[in-house]
Structure formats: structure tokens, C-alpha cells
């Protein structure tokens, strides 16, 4: 957790990682938490993908590989961005996200769950601002990404680490049901639409996910294994075994503990 002080106020920034495979529901969860948490912003890792012309070509399958960790994200740019947010509590004014261009599927969260946690975090906010710490404000940065737990310099900046795990057949079906992904980046806010070529999931997407996450789980078992030592204190959500309400409950319970411990 980073702290920013000024004569008028003190700002503390908590970066919350929400990771998982493509189509695991991480962005949907991040948006629900964003609506609940006061002073929160979402940072989409996808916004740090390279321009389409710089995406590497898979050496065997000879198609662009948007998923292999080394080339799928401009890591230096992402790391510097996260450091800026932790130091200032603000998104740089020139940052543009392309998430709104992608297909948005609603996953309902029960009103009572949402309203309960809105009230709870508003209470925590008012208590902090009225305390002897002189108008202390907590800023939440919700970082969602399919490669969130690959690069050590990204992991180290995350104060809370959450991951959704979904079985491969379900991920595959969800991916195939999507119409595609917009590939916009900072220099091209409208971007172009990427659609998976045949067998892209089997040959590119899922093998890249396995490769990126094998070190996160004991014995490299990404489907059933327990979290190992690479990502400490990982909150693993088996999201098919729970509704969105339970997922939000578990996340908010963990975030409340963080808010009340600082």
C-alpha cells in the first residue's frame, strides 16, 4: 500500500489484483467491486497490449499470438503506470481504455449484497476521514488481467491478490461464444476487431494460459492445485461453485480487513 501526503490530505492507494484466464469473469467482478467501493478505479491489463502490428507471430502456427505472456503485454509501460497510480492515487489524464468497445454481458448481483457493502465501505470511508489521520482518503485501484500473476514486478505492487478459476471446457465455450475483441491501444482508441482463427483456443490461448500460470500453483496443477509461493496470500475463487453474490462477499470481506488494518 502506498501513501501520498499533502498539507490538505493524506491519500493511501490499495491496488487489488483480479486475475484469471480469459472469459473467467474477472472484468465483470472488477466492475461490481468498482460500483461498491468509493474512490475506486479499474485498470484493465488489456489496455497495455502492444499495437496490433507489433504482436508477435507464433513460431509454429504462424498466426499472431496475443496470449503468450512475454509478448502479449507491454510490461514496462504497465509497471510504470501502476507505480504512478500508487504514488498519486490518480489515473494519468492521457490514458484511454478500450474496454467499452468490447461486448458487455451483464451478470446480475443481488441488490442486498451490493447495497450492504456500499453502506459498509461508506462507513469505513467516513470513519477514516474523521479520524486523527486528518482527512485520510483510501483509493482503490482494481487491476484486472489475464496475465496478472506472471510478472514479478506487477505481482509485487498488488496489495490484494484475487484470482478466478474456471474449468477449461467452460472457458472454451465462453471464448467461442464471443464475437471478438477490440485491439485498440493508446494511439488508436477505436481500434480494430480481432476474431480468433480456427483452433486458436486449442493451439494458442489455453497453452499460453497454462504456461503463464503453472508456477502459481503447486505442482503446476492449474485446474485443481492449491496456490503456491509465487503469489502470496492469493484469494482463489472457484467461481463456478459460487454465484456472483458469494464472490463479491468474499472479496469485500477481504477488502474490508485491508481497509480497517491501515
C-alpha atoms as a PDB file:
ATOM      1  CA  UNK A   1       0.000   0.000   0.000  1.00  0.00           C
ATOM      2  CA  UNK A   2       1.387   3.393  -0.968  1.00  0.00           C
ATOM      3  CA  UNK A   3       0.751   6.614   0.940  1.00  0.00           C
ATOM      4  CA  UNK A   4       0.645  10.117  -0.545  1.00  0.00           C
ATOM      5  CA  UNK A   5       0.665  13.130   1.778  1.00  0.00           C
ATOM      6  CA  UNK A   6      -0.108  16.799   1.156  1.00  0.00           C
ATOM      7  CA  UNK A   7      -0.768  19.671   3.588  1.00  0.00           C
ATOM      8  CA  UNK A   8      -4.503  19.234   2.954  1.00  0.00           C
ATOM      9  CA  UNK A   9      -4.968  15.496   2.867  1.00  0.00           C
ATOM     10  CA  UNK A  10      -3.395  12.080   3.014  1.00  0.00           C
ATOM     11  CA  UNK A  11      -4.158   9.518   0.324  1.00  0.00           C
ATOM     12  CA  UNK A  12      -3.485   5.807   0.581  1.00  0.00           C
ATOM     13  CA  UNK A  13      -3.673   3.639  -2.524  1.00  0.00           C
ATOM     14  CA  UNK A  14      -4.568  -0.046  -2.449  1.00  0.00           C
ATOM     15  CA  UNK A  15      -4.014  -1.985  -5.670  1.00  0.00           C
ATOM     16  CA  UNK A  16      -6.315  -5.002  -5.919  1.00  0.00           C
ATOM     17  CA  UNK A  17      -5.430  -7.654  -8.479  1.00  0.00           C
ATOM     18  CA  UNK A  18      -8.323  -9.541 -10.081  1.00  0.00           C
ATOM     19  CA  UNK A  19      -6.811 -12.189 -12.323  1.00  0.00           C
ATOM     20  CA  UNK A  20      -7.806 -15.304 -14.184  1.00  0.00           C
ATOM     21  CA  UNK A  21      -7.978 -16.808 -17.624  1.00  0.00           C
ATOM     22  CA  UNK A  22      -9.716 -15.074 -20.481  1.00  0.00           C
ATOM     23  CA  UNK A  23     -13.513 -15.419 -20.037  1.00  0.00           C
ATOM     24  CA  UNK A  24     -13.192 -16.313 -16.343  1.00  0.00           C
ATOM     25  CA  UNK A  25     -15.366 -13.381 -15.239  1.00  0.00           C
ATOM     26  CA  UNK A  26     -12.622 -11.196 -13.801  1.00  0.00           C
ATOM     27  CA  UNK A  27     -13.684  -7.982 -15.552  1.00  0.00           C
ATOM     28  CA  UNK A  28     -17.310  -8.478 -14.506  1.00  0.00           C
ATOM     29  CA  UNK A  29     -16.229  -8.954 -10.890  1.00  0.00           C
ATOM     30  CA  UNK A  30     -13.995  -5.878 -11.087  1.00  0.00           C
ATOM     31  CA  UNK A  31     -16.926  -3.777 -12.332  1.00  0.00           C
ATOM     32  CA  UNK A  32     -19.169  -4.920  -9.492  1.00  0.00           C
ATOM     33  CA  UNK A  33     -16.457  -4.019  -6.967  1.00  0.00           C
ATOM     34  CA  UNK A  34     -15.955  -0.668  -8.697  1.00  0.00           C
ATOM     35  CA  UNK A  35     -19.642   0.150  -8.150  1.00  0.00           C
ATOM     36  CA  UNK A  36     -19.341  -0.768  -4.470  1.00  0.00           C
ATOM     37  CA  UNK A  37     -16.025   0.792  -3.451  1.00  0.00           C
ATOM     38  CA  UNK A  38     -15.886   4.573  -3.052  1.00  0.00           C
ATOM     39  CA  UNK A  39     -12.904   6.285  -4.701  1.00  0.00           C
ATOM     40  CA  UNK A  40     -12.141   3.293  -6.924  1.00  0.00           C
ATOM     41  CA  UNK A  41     -10.910   2.956 -10.490  1.00  0.00           C
ATOM     42  CA  UNK A  42     -10.455  -0.007 -12.829  1.00  0.00           C
ATOM     43  CA  UNK A  43      -7.188  -0.623 -14.638  1.00  0.00           C
ATOM     44  CA  UNK A  44      -7.555  -3.115 -17.495  1.00  0.00           C
ATOM     45  CA  UNK A  45      -4.373  -5.003 -18.312  1.00  0.00           C
ATOM     46  CA  UNK A  46      -5.655  -5.431 -21.878  1.00  0.00           C
ATOM     47  CA  UNK A  47      -5.135  -1.694 -22.410  1.00  0.00           C
ATOM     48  CA  UNK A  48      -1.398  -2.391 -22.261  1.00  0.00           C
ATOM     49  CA  UNK A  49      -1.305  -4.826 -25.157  1.00  0.00           C
ATOM     50  CA  UNK A  50       1.058  -3.788 -27.957  1.00  0.00           C
ATOM     51  CA  UNK A  51      -0.231  -2.277 -31.199  1.00  0.00           C
ATOM     52  CA  UNK A  52      -1.535  -4.984 -33.488  1.00  0.00           C
ATOM     53  CA  UNK A  53       1.397  -4.659 -35.886  1.00  0.00           C
ATOM     54  CA  UNK A  54       3.815  -5.427 -33.022  1.00  0.00           C
ATOM     55  CA  UNK A  55       2.067  -8.545 -31.728  1.00  0.00           C
ATOM     56  CA  UNK A  56       4.459 -11.459 -32.284  1.00  0.00           C
ATOM     57  CA  UNK A  57       3.713 -14.316 -34.666  1.00  0.00           C
ATOM     58  CA  UNK A  58       3.622 -17.814 -33.166  1.00  0.00           C
ATOM     59  CA  UNK A  59       6.723 -19.671 -34.422  1.00  0.00           C
ATOM     60  CA  UNK A  60       4.829 -22.907 -35.129  1.00  0.00           C
ATOM     61  CA  UNK A  61       1.276 -21.927 -36.016  1.00  0.00           C
ATOM     62  CA  UNK A  62       2.178 -18.759 -37.913  1.00  0.00           C
ATOM     63  CA  UNK A  63      -0.649 -16.586 -36.571  1.00  0.00           C
ATOM     64  CA  UNK A  64      -0.409 -13.583 -34.305  1.00  0.00           C
ATOM     65  CA  UNK A  65      -0.069 -14.667 -30.693  1.00  0.00           C
ATOM     66  CA  UNK A  66      -1.972 -12.308 -28.384  1.00  0.00           C
ATOM     67  CA  UNK A  67      -1.669 -14.628 -25.381  1.00  0.00           C
ATOM     68  CA  UNK A  68       1.918 -15.734 -24.734  1.00  0.00           C
ATOM     69  CA  UNK A  69       2.994 -13.688 -21.725  1.00  0.00           C
ATOM     70  CA  UNK A  70       6.312 -12.219 -22.950  1.00  0.00           C
ATOM     71  CA  UNK A  71       4.775 -10.508 -25.966  1.00  0.00           C
ATOM     72  CA  UNK A  72       1.118 -10.052 -25.041  1.00  0.00           C
ATOM     73  CA  UNK A  73       1.624  -7.058 -22.730  1.00  0.00           C
ATOM     74  CA  UNK A  74       3.937  -4.055 -22.837  1.00  0.00           C
ATOM     75  CA  UNK A  75       5.216  -4.827 -19.380  1.00  0.00           C
ATOM     76  CA  UNK A  76       7.398  -1.771 -18.829  1.00  0.00           C
ATOM     77  CA  UNK A  77       4.503   0.540 -19.660  1.00  0.00           C
ATOM     78  CA  UNK A  78       2.125  -1.341 -17.350  1.00  0.00           C
ATOM     79  CA  UNK A  79       4.596  -1.408 -14.450  1.00  0.00           C
ATOM     80  CA  UNK A  80       5.320   2.312 -14.756  1.00  0.00           C
ATOM     81  CA  UNK A  81       1.575   3.020 -14.925  1.00  0.00           C
ATOM     82  CA  UNK A  82       0.884   1.063 -11.730  1.00  0.00           C
ATOM     83  CA  UNK A  83       3.707   2.871  -9.952  1.00  0.00           C
ATOM     84  CA  UNK A  84       2.233   6.195 -10.999  1.00  0.00           C
ATOM     85  CA  UNK A  85      -1.193   5.235  -9.636  1.00  0.00           C
ATOM     86  CA  UNK A  86       0.305   4.079  -6.344  1.00  0.00           C
ATOM     87  CA  UNK A  87       2.261   7.307  -5.968  1.00  0.00           C
ATOM     88  CA  UNK A  88      -0.500   9.729  -6.955  1.00  0.00           C
ATOM     89  CA  UNK A  89      -3.818   7.951  -6.491  1.00  0.00           C
ATOM     90  CA  UNK A  90      -4.797   9.054  -9.986  1.00  0.00           C
ATOM     91  CA  UNK A  91      -5.044   7.629 -13.498  1.00  0.00           C
ATOM     92  CA  UNK A  92      -2.817   9.628 -15.889  1.00  0.00           C
ATOM     93  CA  UNK A  93      -5.039  12.049 -17.837  1.00  0.00           C
ATOM     94  CA  UNK A  94      -3.840  10.800 -21.216  1.00  0.00           C
ATOM     95  CA  UNK A  95      -4.813   7.182 -20.523  1.00  0.00           C
ATOM     96  CA  UNK A  96      -7.568   5.742 -22.687  1.00  0.00           C
ATOM     97  CA  UNK A  97      -9.268   2.386 -22.177  1.00  0.00           C
ATOM     98  CA  UNK A  98     -10.898   0.346 -24.937  1.00  0.00           C
ATOM     99  CA  UNK A  99     -12.898  -1.974 -22.670  1.00  0.00           C
ATOM    100  CA  UNK A 100     -16.144  -0.162 -23.512  1.00  0.00           C
ATOM    101  CA  UNK A 101     -15.757  -1.266 -27.145  1.00  0.00           C
ATOM    102  CA  UNK A 102     -15.965  -4.936 -26.220  1.00  0.00           C
ATOM    103  CA  UNK A 103     -19.146  -6.926 -25.783  1.00  0.00           C
ATOM    104  CA  UNK A 104     -20.607  -6.286 -22.334  1.00  0.00           C
ATOM    105  CA  UNK A 105     -22.535  -9.179 -20.795  1.00  0.00           C
ATOM    106  CA  UNK A 106     -24.439  -8.435 -17.618  1.00  0.00           C
ATOM    107  CA  UNK A 107     -24.021 -10.763 -14.642  1.00  0.00           C
ATOM    108  CA  UNK A 108     -26.550  -9.794 -12.007  1.00  0.00           C
ATOM    109  CA  UNK A 109     -25.507  -9.063  -8.448  1.00  0.00           C
ATOM    110  CA  UNK A 110     -28.223  -9.217  -5.814  1.00  0.00           C
ATOM    111  CA  UNK A 111     -29.305  -5.758  -4.648  1.00  0.00           C
ATOM    112  CA  UNK A 112     -28.993  -6.679  -0.987  1.00  0.00           C
ATOM    113  CA  UNK A 113     -25.374  -7.772  -1.404  1.00  0.00           C
ATOM    114  CA  UNK A 114     -24.439  -4.652  -3.352  1.00  0.00           C
ATOM    115  CA  UNK A 115     -26.249  -2.261  -1.014  1.00  0.00           C
ATOM    116  CA  UNK A 116     -24.886  -3.930   2.115  1.00  0.00           C
ATOM    117  CA  UNK A 117     -21.299  -3.442   1.012  1.00  0.00           C
ATOM    118  CA  UNK A 118     -21.847   0.070  -0.335  1.00  0.00           C
ATOM    119  CA  UNK A 119     -23.049   1.059   3.134  1.00  0.00           C
ATOM    120  CA  UNK A 120     -20.149  -0.734   4.811  1.00  0.00           C
ATOM    121  CA  UNK A 121     -17.436   0.918   2.734  1.00  0.00           C
ATOM    122  CA  UNK A 122     -19.100   4.336   3.037  1.00  0.00           C
ATOM    123  CA  UNK A 123     -18.998   3.838   6.804  1.00  0.00           C
ATOM    124  CA  UNK A 124     -15.304   2.951   6.644  1.00  0.00           C
ATOM    125  CA  UNK A 125     -14.622   5.971   4.438  1.00  0.00           C
ATOM    126  CA  UNK A 126     -16.348   8.403   6.809  1.00  0.00           C
ATOM    127  CA  UNK A 127     -14.577   6.895   9.817  1.00  0.00           C
ATOM    128  CA  UNK A 128     -11.174   7.286   8.162  1.00  0.00           C
ATOM    129  CA  UNK A 129     -11.841  10.856   7.084  1.00  0.00           C
ATOM    130  CA  UNK A 130     -12.992  11.819  10.584  1.00  0.00           C
ATOM    131  CA  UNK A 131     -10.046  10.183  12.340  1.00  0.00           C
ATOM    132  CA  UNK A 132      -6.920  11.803  13.716  1.00  0.00           C
ATOM    133  CA  UNK A 133      -5.128  10.985  10.471  1.00  0.00           C
ATOM    134  CA  UNK A 134      -6.527  14.273   9.126  1.00  0.00           C
ATOM    135  CA  UNK A 135      -8.867  13.611   6.262  1.00  0.00           C
ATOM    136  CA  UNK A 136      -7.266  10.378   5.150  1.00  0.00           C
ATOM    137  CA  UNK A 137      -8.704   9.045   1.889  1.00  0.00           C
ATOM    138  CA  UNK A 138      -8.416   5.485   0.627  1.00  0.00           C
ATOM    139  CA  UNK A 139      -8.181   4.991  -3.140  1.00  0.00           C
ATOM    140  CA  UNK A 140      -8.803   1.536  -4.617  1.00  0.00           C
ATOM    141  CA  UNK A 141      -7.154   0.552  -7.887  1.00  0.00           C
ATOM    142  CA  UNK A 142      -8.824  -2.567  -9.305  1.00  0.00           C
ATOM    143  CA  UNK A 143      -6.389  -4.203 -11.722  1.00  0.00           C
ATOM    144  CA  UNK A 144      -7.931  -6.893 -13.922  1.00  0.00           C
ATOM    145  CA  UNK A 145      -5.980  -9.043 -16.327  1.00  0.00           C
ATOM    146  CA  UNK A 146      -5.500 -12.483 -17.826  1.00  0.00           C
ATOM    147  CA  UNK A 147      -1.735 -12.364 -17.201  1.00  0.00           C
ATOM    148  CA  UNK A 148      -1.828 -10.571 -13.869  1.00  0.00           C
ATOM    149  CA  UNK A 149       0.260 -13.091 -11.954  1.00  0.00           C
ATOM    150  CA  UNK A 150       3.055 -13.714 -14.434  1.00  0.00           C
ATOM    151  CA  UNK A 151       5.432 -10.767 -13.993  1.00  0.00           C
ATOM    152  CA  UNK A 152       7.029 -10.363 -10.549  1.00  0.00           C
ATOM    153  CA  UNK A 153       7.138  -6.560 -10.731  1.00  0.00           C
ATOM    154  CA  UNK A 154       3.369  -6.499 -11.265  1.00  0.00           C
ATOM    155  CA  UNK A 155       2.648  -9.024  -8.511  1.00  0.00           C
ATOM    156  CA  UNK A 156       4.790  -7.096  -6.041  1.00  0.00           C
ATOM    157  CA  UNK A 157       2.738  -3.932  -6.486  1.00  0.00           C
ATOM    158  CA  UNK A 158      -0.585  -5.623  -5.753  1.00  0.00           C
ATOM    159  CA  UNK A 159      -1.731  -5.249  -2.143  1.00  0.00           C
ATOM    160  CA  UNK A 160      -4.617  -7.719  -2.545  1.00  0.00           C
ATOM    161  CA  UNK A 161      -4.474 -10.680  -4.944  1.00  0.00           C
ATOM    162  CA  UNK A 162      -7.651 -12.347  -6.192  1.00  0.00           C
ATOM    163  CA  UNK A 163      -7.983 -14.994  -8.885  1.00  0.00           C
ATOM    164  CA  UNK A 164     -10.988 -16.639 -10.510  1.00  0.00           C
ATOM    165  CA  UNK A 165     -10.546 -20.246 -11.611  1.00  0.00           C
ATOM    166  CA  UNK A 166     -12.899 -21.791 -14.173  1.00  0.00           C
ATOM    167  CA  UNK A 167     -12.582 -25.245 -15.828  1.00  0.00           C
ATOM    168  CA  UNK A 168     -11.147 -25.304 -19.354  1.00  0.00           C
ATOM    169  CA  UNK A 169     -14.309 -26.562 -21.137  1.00  0.00           C
ATOM    170  CA  UNK A 170     -16.331 -23.658 -19.755  1.00  0.00           C
ATOM    171  CA  UNK A 171     -13.648 -21.136 -20.694  1.00  0.00           C
ATOM    172  CA  UNK A 172     -13.512 -22.572 -24.205  1.00  0.00           C
ATOM    173  CA  UNK A 173     -17.267 -22.302 -24.702  1.00  0.00           C
ATOM    174  CA  UNK A 174     -17.357 -18.733 -23.400  1.00  0.00           C
ATOM    175  CA  UNK A 175     -14.494 -17.751 -25.686  1.00  0.00           C
ATOM    176  CA  UNK A 176     -16.162 -19.306 -28.737  1.00  0.00           C
ATOM    177  CA  UNK A 177     -19.428 -17.538 -27.893  1.00  0.00           C
ATOM    178  CA  UNK A 178     -17.751 -14.138 -28.020  1.00  0.00           C
ATOM    179  CA  UNK A 179     -17.822 -12.131 -31.219  1.00  0.00           C
ATOM    180  CA  UNK A 180     -14.248 -10.943 -30.884  1.00  0.00           C
ATOM    181  CA  UNK A 181     -12.046  -8.411 -29.124  1.00  0.00           C
ATOM    182  CA  UNK A 182     -11.232  -4.826 -29.918  1.00  0.00           C
ATOM    183  CA  UNK A 183      -7.489  -4.294 -30.112  1.00  0.00           C
ATOM    184  CA  UNK A 184      -7.438  -0.541 -29.525  1.00  0.00           C
ATOM    185  CA  UNK A 185      -4.421   0.920 -27.758  1.00  0.00           C
ATOM    186  CA  UNK A 186      -3.479   4.421 -26.678  1.00  0.00           C
ATOM    187  CA  UNK A 187      -2.603   5.554 -30.193  1.00  0.00           C
ATOM    188  CA  UNK A 188      -5.745   4.083 -31.769  1.00  0.00           C
ATOM    189  CA  UNK A 189      -8.740   4.469 -29.426  1.00  0.00           C
ATOM    190  CA  UNK A 190     -11.235   2.980 -31.884  1.00  0.00           C
ATOM    191  CA  UNK A 191      -9.028   0.075 -32.898  1.00  0.00           C
ATOM    192  CA  UNK A 192      -9.910  -2.969 -34.928  1.00  0.00           C
ATOM    193  CA  UNK A 193     -11.757  -6.180 -34.174  1.00  0.00           C
ATOM    194  CA  UNK A 194      -9.767  -9.377 -33.588  1.00  0.00           C
ATOM    195  CA  UNK A 195     -11.545 -12.679 -34.194  1.00  0.00           C
ATOM    196  CA  UNK A 196      -9.952 -15.996 -33.321  1.00  0.00           C
ATOM    197  CA  UNK A 197      -8.855 -18.066 -36.306  1.00  0.00           C
ATOM    198  CA  UNK A 198      -9.742 -21.798 -36.292  1.00  0.00           C
ATOM    199  CA  UNK A 199      -8.276 -23.802 -33.380  1.00  0.00           C
ATOM    200  CA  UNK A 200      -6.846 -20.638 -31.841  1.00  0.00           C
ATOM    201  CA  UNK A 201      -8.081 -21.648 -28.378  1.00  0.00           C
ATOM    202  CA  UNK A 202      -6.532 -25.112 -28.535  1.00  0.00           C
ATOM    203  CA  UNK A 203      -3.239 -24.072 -30.124  1.00  0.00           C
ATOM    204  CA  UNK A 204      -2.602 -20.615 -28.676  1.00  0.00           C
ATOM    205  CA  UNK A 205      -4.896 -19.351 -25.916  1.00  0.00           C
ATOM    206  CA  UNK A 206      -5.104 -22.208 -23.436  1.00  0.00           C
ATOM    207  CA  UNK A 207      -1.484 -23.411 -23.785  1.00  0.00           C
ATOM    208  CA  UNK A 208      -0.336 -19.837 -23.127  1.00  0.00           C
ATOM    209  CA  UNK A 209      -2.529 -19.652 -20.026  1.00  0.00           C
ATOM    210  CA  UNK A 210      -1.131 -22.945 -18.734  1.00  0.00           C
ATOM    211  CA  UNK A 211       2.416 -21.747 -19.354  1.00  0.00           C
ATOM    212  CA  UNK A 212       1.829 -18.401 -17.640  1.00  0.00           C
ATOM    213  CA  UNK A 213       0.163 -19.839 -14.530  1.00  0.00           C
ATOM    214  CA  UNK A 214       1.864 -23.178 -13.916  1.00  0.00           C
ATOM    215  CA  UNK A 215       4.227 -21.538 -11.395  1.00  0.00           C
ATOM    216  CA  UNK A 216       1.312 -20.076  -9.450  1.00  0.00           C
ATOM    217  CA  UNK A 217       0.022 -23.496  -8.359  1.00  0.00           C
ATOM    218  CA  UNK A 218       1.592 -26.409  -6.543  1.00  0.00           C
ATOM    219  CA  UNK A 219       2.976 -28.987  -8.989  1.00  0.00           C
ATOM    220  CA  UNK A 220       1.858 -26.776 -11.889  1.00  0.00           C
ATOM    221  CA  UNK A 221      -1.722 -28.024 -11.499  1.00  0.00           C
ATOM    222  CA  UNK A 222      -3.687 -25.006 -12.712  1.00  0.00           C
ATOM    223  CA  UNK A 223      -7.027 -26.891 -12.739  1.00  0.00           C
ATOM    224  CA  UNK A 224      -7.059 -28.409  -9.241  1.00  0.00           C
ATOM    225  CA  UNK A 225      -3.869 -27.341  -7.459  1.00  0.00           C
ATOM    226  CA  UNK A 226      -3.557 -25.078  -4.468  1.00  0.00           C
ATOM    227  CA  UNK A 227      -1.766 -21.720  -4.764  1.00  0.00           C
ATOM    228  CA  UNK A 228       1.969 -21.968  -4.250  1.00  0.00           C
ATOM    229  CA  UNK A 229       4.531 -19.434  -3.067  1.00  0.00           C
ATOM    230  CA  UNK A 230       4.793 -17.290  -6.209  1.00  0.00           C
ATOM    231  CA  UNK A 231       1.656 -15.256  -5.419  1.00  0.00           C
ATOM    232  CA  UNK A 232       1.443 -14.919  -1.670  1.00  0.00           C
ATOM    233  CA  UNK A 233      -1.958 -14.653   0.037  1.00  0.00           C
ATOM    234  CA  UNK A 234      -3.827 -15.415  -3.167  1.00  0.00           C
ATOM    235  CA  UNK A 235      -7.604 -15.435  -2.710  1.00  0.00           C
ATOM    236  CA  UNK A 236      -8.671 -18.170  -5.119  1.00  0.00           C
ATOM    237  CA  UNK A 237     -12.322 -18.166  -6.173  1.00  0.00           C
ATOM    238  CA  UNK A 238     -13.680 -21.347  -7.762  1.00  0.00           C
ATOM    239  CA  UNK A 239     -16.283 -19.209  -9.462  1.00  0.00           C
ATOM    240  CA  UNK A 240     -18.420 -21.985 -10.972  1.00  0.00           C
ATOM    241  CA  UNK A 241     -19.078 -23.240  -7.446  1.00  0.00           C
ATOM    242  CA  UNK A 242     -20.471 -19.914  -6.277  1.00  0.00           C
ATOM    243  CA  UNK A 243     -22.712 -17.150  -7.555  1.00  0.00           C
ATOM    244  CA  UNK A 244     -21.594 -13.588  -8.148  1.00  0.00           C
ATOM    245  CA  UNK A 245     -23.038 -12.672  -4.761  1.00  0.00           C
ATOM    246  CA  UNK A 246     -20.744 -15.074  -2.913  1.00  0.00           C
ATOM    247  CA  UNK A 247     -17.734 -13.966  -4.958  1.00  0.00           C
ATOM    248  CA  UNK A 248     -18.415 -10.328  -4.102  1.00  0.00           C
ATOM    249  CA  UNK A 249     -18.980 -11.227  -0.442  1.00  0.00           C
ATOM    250  CA  UNK A 250     -15.626 -12.974  -0.212  1.00  0.00           C
ATOM    251  CA  UNK A 251     -13.791 -10.169  -1.976  1.00  0.00           C
ATOM    252  CA  UNK A 252     -15.419  -7.411   0.051  1.00  0.00           C
ATOM    253  CA  UNK A 253     -14.726  -9.248   3.302  1.00  0.00           C
ATOM    254  CA  UNK A 254     -11.027  -9.363   2.393  1.00  0.00           C
ATOM    255  CA  UNK A 255     -11.003  -5.713   1.296  1.00  0.00           C
ATOM    256  CA  UNK A 256     -12.729  -4.615   4.496  1.00  0.00           C
ATOM    257  CA  UNK A 257      -9.951  -6.261   6.503  1.00  0.00           C
ATOM    258  CA  UNK A 258      -7.381  -4.347   4.489  1.00  0.00           C
ATOM    259  CA  UNK A 259      -9.222  -1.038   4.883  1.00  0.00           C
ATOM    260  CA  UNK A 260      -9.520  -1.464   8.631  1.00  0.00           C
ATOM    261  CA  UNK A 261      -5.901  -2.515   9.126  1.00  0.00           C
ATOM    262  CA  UNK A 262      -4.356   0.665   7.686  1.00  0.00           C
END
